[in-house]
């Protein structure tokens, strides 16, 4: 059976890859914005249709949702990512202060971290000495192992922009049939949006161990459930 190796493992290729460093992934920001953009806009369309309101209301409320909710999500993502940076800077200053005030205690923490990973004896002591010889390396290891922080945090503006772009693109899909005045606009809006959900889920599977069709169906189910609930609420309110 042919096995696919994702990286070239020659010495030069490894050296080049490691020199590039770790680049933060904005996949979560795109998926987050894409799913929420499609779900919330389709929910608006479904609720308005279920309530028996005219198509003009769909365009007004749908557009307002795309702009306002998309900006709100982007702003929230920006604030949350900024908080991650602030947390890292705070904990980094805490660790530097601890190293300055109680270096032996901090060395013992390093010793126990490596000991828990099966390293002992002279190898353990040499490793502790090597790590604690460089304060930056020492602090970086403590942040990763004591606090579980990633080595790279996503850029707040890039994370926010990714979320807003995904929200806008997918949020406009349910409105497209009404913009062009298509026949059976609601059915077309539902079908197009569910297709987008499936494609987003299928694309997400590229970065996970879940099969593309299963990931696609899971994302599609989320959107379908949201549309059904919104439509049912609209029908209920119309009856009341």
Protein backbone atom coordinates (compact mmCIF):
# COMPACT_ATOMS: atom_id res chain seq x y z
CA UNK A 1 0.00 0.00 0.00
CA UNK A 2 1.38 3.40 -1.00
CA UNK A 3 1.88 5.74 1.95
CA UNK A 4 1.88 9.50 1.40
CA UNK A 5 4.49 11.46 3.34
CA UNK A 6 3.48 15.08 3.87
CA UNK A 7 7.03 16.46 4.23
CA UNK A 8 10.41 15.96 2.66
CA UNK A 9 12.67 14.65 5.43
CA UNK A 10 16.03 15.38 3.88
CA UNK A 11 18.34 17.43 6.15
CA UNK A 12 18.11 20.55 3.96
CA UNK A 13 14.30 20.35 3.74
CA UNK A 14 13.98 19.92 7.49
CA UNK A 15 16.33 22.85 8.14
CA UNK A 16 14.37 25.09 5.78
CA UNK A 17 11.00 24.08 7.23
CA UNK A 18 12.08 24.66 10.82
CA UNK A 19 13.67 28.01 9.93
CA UNK A 20 10.32 29.23 8.61
CA UNK A 21 8.81 28.79 12.06
CA UNK A 22 5.23 27.98 12.99
CA UNK A 23 2.57 30.00 11.23
CA UNK A 24 -0.74 30.43 13.04
CA UNK A 25 -3.76 28.95 11.29
CA UNK A 26 -6.85 31.05 10.61
CA UNK A 27 -8.95 28.05 9.62
CA UNK A 28 -11.07 28.24 12.78
CA UNK A 29 -11.83 31.90 12.10
CA UNK A 30 -12.97 31.13 8.55
CA UNK A 31 -15.11 28.14 9.58
CA UNK A 32 -16.59 30.09 12.48
CA UNK A 33 -17.57 33.02 10.26
CA UNK A 34 -18.75 30.91 7.32
CA UNK A 35 -21.10 28.70 9.33
CA UNK A 36 -22.51 31.52 11.42
CA UNK A 37 -22.96 33.77 8.40
CA UNK A 38 -24.94 31.15 6.53
CA UNK A 39 -26.92 30.01 9.57
CA UNK A 40 -28.00 33.42 10.83
CA UNK A 41 -28.92 34.82 7.41
CA UNK A 42 -30.82 31.68 6.42
CA UNK A 43 -32.56 31.85 9.79
CA UNK A 44 -33.64 35.43 9.04
CA UNK A 45 -34.94 34.41 5.60
CA UNK A 46 -36.73 31.36 7.02
CA UNK A 47 -38.32 33.35 9.84
CA UNK A 48 -39.57 36.06 7.49
CA UNK A 49 -40.97 33.53 5.02
CA UNK A 50 -42.53 31.52 7.83
CA UNK A 51 -44.13 34.71 9.11
CA UNK A 52 -45.60 35.46 5.67
CA UNK A 53 -43.79 38.79 5.27
CA UNK A 54 -42.84 40.25 1.85
CA UNK A 55 -39.50 39.71 0.08
CA UNK A 56 -38.47 43.33 0.70
CA UNK A 57 -38.35 42.56 4.42
CA UNK A 58 -36.02 39.64 3.70
CA UNK A 59 -33.60 41.89 1.84
CA UNK A 60 -33.69 44.58 4.53
CA UNK A 61 -33.31 42.29 7.53
CA UNK A 62 -30.92 39.95 5.74
CA UNK A 63 -28.58 42.73 4.66
CA UNK A 64 -28.68 44.30 8.10
CA UNK A 65 -27.83 40.91 9.59
CA UNK A 66 -24.85 40.38 7.27
CA UNK A 67 -23.37 43.80 8.03
CA UNK A 68 -24.17 44.16 11.73
CA UNK A 69 -23.77 40.57 12.89
CA UNK A 70 -20.68 40.08 10.72
CA UNK A 71 -19.05 43.14 12.26
CA UNK A 72 -20.10 42.04 15.74
CA UNK A 73 -18.54 38.62 15.26
CA UNK A 74 -15.36 40.11 13.84
CA UNK A 75 -15.10 42.56 16.74
CA UNK A 76 -15.68 39.77 19.27
CA UNK A 77 -13.03 37.63 17.62
CA UNK A 78 -10.61 40.56 17.64
CA UNK A 79 -11.21 41.18 21.34
CA UNK A 80 -10.86 37.49 22.18
CA UNK A 81 -7.62 37.12 20.24
CA UNK A 82 -6.24 40.29 21.82
CA UNK A 83 -7.04 38.76 25.21
CA UNK A 84 -4.95 35.71 24.29
CA UNK A 85 -1.99 37.98 23.52
CA UNK A 86 -2.47 39.90 26.75
CA UNK A 87 -2.67 36.69 28.74
CA UNK A 88 0.55 35.44 27.19
CA UNK A 89 2.38 38.70 27.90
CA UNK A 90 1.13 38.68 31.51
CA UNK A 91 2.19 35.09 32.17
CA UNK A 92 5.54 35.70 30.49
CA UNK A 93 6.22 38.58 32.88
CA UNK A 94 5.15 36.38 35.81
CA UNK A 95 7.59 33.63 34.79
CA UNK A 96 10.45 36.08 34.32
CA UNK A 97 9.78 37.46 37.80
CA UNK A 98 9.73 33.95 39.26
CA UNK A 99 13.02 33.08 37.55
CA UNK A 100 14.57 36.23 38.99
CA UNK A 101 13.20 35.68 42.52
CA UNK A 102 13.42 31.89 42.84
CA UNK A 103 15.60 30.38 40.09
CA UNK A 104 16.10 27.09 41.95
CA UNK A 105 12.37 26.57 42.28
CA UNK A 106 11.88 27.29 38.57
CA UNK A 107 14.67 24.84 37.69
CA UNK A 108 12.88 22.21 39.76
CA UNK A 109 9.73 22.83 37.72
CA UNK A 110 11.72 22.24 34.53
CA UNK A 111 13.22 19.11 36.06
CA UNK A 112 9.81 17.69 36.94
CA UNK A 113 8.38 18.55 33.52
CA UNK A 114 11.06 16.50 31.76
CA UNK A 115 10.98 13.79 34.42
CA UNK A 116 7.25 13.33 33.79
CA UNK A 117 8.16 12.65 30.15
CA UNK A 118 10.44 9.75 31.08
CA UNK A 119 13.82 11.51 31.17
CA UNK A 120 15.97 10.87 34.23
CA UNK A 121 19.51 10.57 35.55
CA UNK A 122 22.37 12.46 33.94
CA UNK A 123 20.35 13.09 30.77
CA UNK A 124 17.75 14.91 32.84
CA UNK A 125 20.30 17.13 34.57
CA UNK A 126 22.06 17.99 31.31
CA UNK A 127 18.74 18.89 29.72
CA UNK A 128 17.72 21.09 32.66
CA UNK A 129 21.08 22.87 32.51
CA UNK A 130 20.79 23.43 28.76
CA UNK A 131 17.24 24.80 28.94
CA UNK A 132 17.82 27.11 31.90
CA UNK A 133 21.01 28.53 30.36
CA UNK A 134 18.83 30.69 28.09
CA UNK A 135 16.09 32.68 29.82
CA UNK A 136 13.99 33.14 26.67
CA UNK A 137 14.01 29.41 25.99
CA UNK A 138 13.32 28.75 29.67
CA UNK A 139 10.27 31.05 29.73
CA UNK A 140 8.96 29.71 26.41
CA UNK A 141 9.06 26.14 27.70
CA UNK A 142 7.32 27.10 30.94
CA UNK A 143 4.51 28.85 29.05
CA UNK A 144 3.98 25.76 26.92
CA UNK A 145 4.18 23.10 29.63
CA UNK A 146 2.96 24.86 32.77
CA UNK A 147 0.17 26.90 31.20
CA UNK A 148 -0.47 24.99 27.96
CA UNK A 149 -0.11 28.11 25.80
CA UNK A 150 0.64 27.76 22.07
CA UNK A 151 3.94 29.07 20.74
CA UNK A 152 2.14 31.33 18.26
CA UNK A 153 -1.11 33.26 18.70
CA UNK A 154 -3.19 34.42 15.75
CA UNK A 155 -2.97 38.11 14.81
CA UNK A 156 -6.12 39.86 16.12
CA UNK A 157 -6.77 41.91 12.97
CA UNK A 158 -6.19 38.96 10.63
CA UNK A 159 -8.45 36.76 12.73
CA UNK A 160 -11.20 39.40 12.73
CA UNK A 161 -10.87 40.07 8.99
CA UNK A 162 -11.03 36.36 8.20
CA UNK A 163 -14.19 35.93 10.25
CA UNK A 164 -15.86 38.98 8.69
CA UNK A 165 -14.96 37.92 5.14
CA UNK A 166 -16.27 34.39 5.64
CA UNK A 167 -19.43 35.66 7.33
CA UNK A 168 -20.12 38.11 4.51
CA UNK A 169 -19.50 35.66 1.66
CA UNK A 170 -21.63 32.86 3.13
CA UNK A 171 -24.18 35.24 4.62
CA UNK A 172 -25.02 36.69 1.21
CA UNK A 173 -25.80 33.27 -0.30
CA UNK A 174 -29.36 33.01 1.13
CA UNK A 175 -30.12 36.53 -0.11
CA UNK A 176 -28.90 36.00 -3.68
CA UNK A 177 -32.16 34.47 -5.04
CA UNK A 178 -34.13 37.44 -3.71
CA UNK A 179 -31.68 39.95 -5.17
CA UNK A 180 -32.07 38.48 -8.68
CA UNK A 181 -35.83 37.96 -8.22
CA UNK A 182 -35.67 34.22 -8.83
CA UNK A 183 -38.79 32.05 -8.91
CA UNK A 184 -39.17 29.84 -5.81
CA UNK A 185 -36.59 32.10 -4.16
CA UNK A 186 -36.96 30.57 -0.71
CA UNK A 187 -36.40 27.01 -1.87
CA UNK A 188 -33.42 28.11 -3.93
CA UNK A 189 -32.01 30.02 -0.95
CA UNK A 190 -32.30 26.94 1.26
CA UNK A 191 -30.71 24.64 -1.31
CA UNK A 192 -27.81 27.01 -2.07
CA UNK A 193 -27.09 27.60 1.61
CA UNK A 194 -27.17 23.91 2.49
CA UNK A 195 -24.79 23.23 -0.40
CA UNK A 196 -22.45 25.88 1.01
CA UNK A 197 -22.66 24.28 4.45
CA UNK A 198 -21.75 20.91 2.98
CA UNK A 199 -18.82 22.38 1.03
CA UNK A 200 -17.52 24.22 4.10
CA UNK A 201 -17.69 21.03 6.15
CA UNK A 202 -16.07 18.98 3.39
CA UNK A 203 -13.24 21.52 3.05
CA UNK A 204 -12.73 21.48 6.83
CA UNK A 205 -12.12 17.73 6.71
CA UNK A 206 -8.86 18.36 4.87
CA UNK A 207 -7.39 19.49 8.17
CA UNK A 208 -8.88 16.72 10.31
CA UNK A 209 -9.16 12.93 10.41
CA UNK A 210 -12.93 12.98 9.69
CA UNK A 211 -14.01 11.91 6.20
CA UNK A 212 -15.09 14.72 3.86
CA UNK A 213 -18.66 13.46 3.49
CA UNK A 214 -19.19 13.05 7.24
CA UNK A 215 -17.78 16.50 8.00
CA UNK A 216 -19.93 17.95 5.23
CA UNK A 217 -23.09 16.28 6.49
CA UNK A 218 -22.44 17.41 10.08
CA UNK A 219 -22.10 21.04 9.00
CA UNK A 220 -25.13 20.73 6.73
CA UNK A 221 -27.18 19.34 9.63
CA UNK A 222 -26.33 22.40 11.75
CA UNK A 223 -27.59 24.75 9.07
CA UNK A 224 -30.70 22.70 8.33
CA UNK A 225 -31.65 22.60 12.01
CA UNK A 226 -31.26 26.38 12.35
CA UNK A 227 -33.37 27.02 9.24
CA UNK A 228 -36.11 24.66 10.43
CA UNK A 229 -36.30 26.25 13.88
CA UNK A 230 -36.43 29.77 12.44
CA UNK A 231 -39.13 28.80 9.96
CA UNK A 232 -41.16 27.09 12.70
CA UNK A 233 -40.92 30.16 14.93
CA UNK A 234 -42.05 32.37 12.05
CA UNK A 235 -45.05 30.12 11.40
CA UNK A 236 -45.93 30.08 15.09
CA UNK A 237 -45.79 33.87 15.42
CA UNK A 238 -47.80 34.24 12.23
CA UNK A 239 -50.50 32.01 13.68
CA UNK A 240 -50.52 33.93 16.96
